[in-house]
Amino acid sequence: MGMPMELNTMIVTKGNEVREEENRFVLQKDGYRLYPIDIPIAVFKTKDSEQSGTALIKKVEWQQEKTTITYTLVSLKSTN
């Protein structure tokens, strides 16, 4: 029996991220997802929106068919 898994090369938050500290966020997604760790990747609010920043993922956890990532925002693209 296989385990369905998705490989992600960007973070799409859909507004569900939770700020832990100044630049550190936690995001939980449904299903099992694999992300690159300690490599800068793009952050988007939605899949079709413009890039809102760049992050480094520090931790990926799989539990009960959910993936939780902890990431640090290293740059933010402002609309101003």
Protein backbone atom coordinates (compact mmCIF):
# COMPACT_ATOMS: atom_id res chain seq x y z
CA MET A 1 0.00 0.00 0.00
CA GLY A 2 1.43 3.35 -1.05
CA MET A 3 1.30 6.69 0.66
CA PRO A 4 0.16 9.64 -1.50
CA MET A 5 2.69 12.47 -1.27
CA GLU A 6 3.05 15.80 -3.03
CA LEU A 7 6.36 17.56 -3.76
CA ASN A 8 6.03 21.34 -3.29
CA THR A 9 8.51 23.94 -4.53
CA MET A 10 6.64 26.99 -3.20
CA ILE A 11 4.57 27.88 -0.15
CA VAL A 12 0.92 28.80 -0.75
CA THR A 13 -0.56 30.12 2.50
CA LYS A 14 -4.19 30.92 1.58
CA GLY A 15 -4.05 33.16 4.67
CA ASN A 16 -3.76 30.17 7.04
CA GLU A 17 -0.25 30.87 8.33
CA VAL A 18 0.22 31.52 12.05
CA ARG A 19 2.96 33.85 13.26
CA GLU A 20 5.07 32.33 16.05
CA GLU A 21 7.67 35.07 16.32
CA GLU A 22 8.64 38.13 14.33
CA ASN A 23 9.58 36.34 11.09
CA ARG A 24 8.73 32.71 11.95
CA PHE A 25 5.46 31.18 10.81
CA VAL A 26 3.71 27.81 11.01
CA LEU A 27 1.42 26.52 8.28
CA GLN A 28 -0.59 23.31 8.25
CA LYS A 29 -1.70 21.70 4.97
CA ASP A 30 -3.86 18.66 4.27
CA GLY A 31 -2.11 15.54 3.02
CA TYR A 32 1.55 14.57 3.03
CA ARG A 33 3.78 17.16 1.35
CA LEU A 34 7.52 17.32 0.90
CA TYR A 35 9.29 20.71 0.90
CA PRO A 36 12.95 21.66 0.48
CA ILE A 37 14.55 22.61 3.80
CA ASP A 38 16.95 25.57 4.23
CA ILE A 39 16.65 26.58 0.55
CA PRO A 40 14.98 29.91 -0.33
CA ILE A 41 11.54 29.31 -1.84
CA ALA A 42 8.75 31.65 -2.93
CA VAL A 43 5.73 32.42 -0.73
CA PHE A 44 2.33 33.15 -2.29
CA LYS A 45 -1.05 33.99 -0.73
CA THR A 46 -2.83 31.98 -3.45
CA LYS A 47 -1.57 29.83 -6.29
CA ASP A 48 -2.43 32.52 -8.86
CA SER A 49 -1.31 35.61 -6.88
CA GLU A 50 1.97 37.47 -7.15
CA GLN A 51 4.86 36.35 -4.94
CA SER A 52 4.55 37.92 -1.49
CA GLY A 53 7.99 36.96 -0.19
CA THR A 54 10.76 34.40 0.17
CA ALA A 55 11.14 31.91 3.01
CA LEU A 56 13.44 29.25 4.41
CA ILE A 57 11.63 26.17 5.69
CA LYS A 58 13.17 25.03 8.95
CA LYS A 59 10.96 22.08 9.88
CA VAL A 60 8.50 19.71 8.16
CA GLU A 61 6.26 17.42 10.23
CA TRP A 62 3.86 14.71 8.97
CA GLN A 63 1.11 13.59 11.30
CA GLN A 64 -2.43 12.24 10.83
CA GLU A 65 -2.51 12.96 7.07
CA LYS A 66 -1.44 16.58 7.59
CA THR A 67 1.83 18.39 6.92
CA THR A 68 2.99 21.18 9.23
CA ILE A 69 5.83 23.43 8.11
CA THR A 70 7.73 25.98 10.15
CA TYR A 71 9.39 28.65 8.04
CA THR A 72 11.25 31.91 8.41
CA LEU A 73 10.33 34.78 6.12
CA VAL A 74 13.62 36.17 4.79
CA SER A 75 12.18 38.81 2.45
CA LEU A 76 8.81 40.43 1.96
CA LYS A 77 7.63 42.06 -1.26
CA SER A 78 5.56 45.07 -0.30
CA THR A 79 2.67 46.42 -2.38
CA ASN A 80 3.52 49.98 -1.30
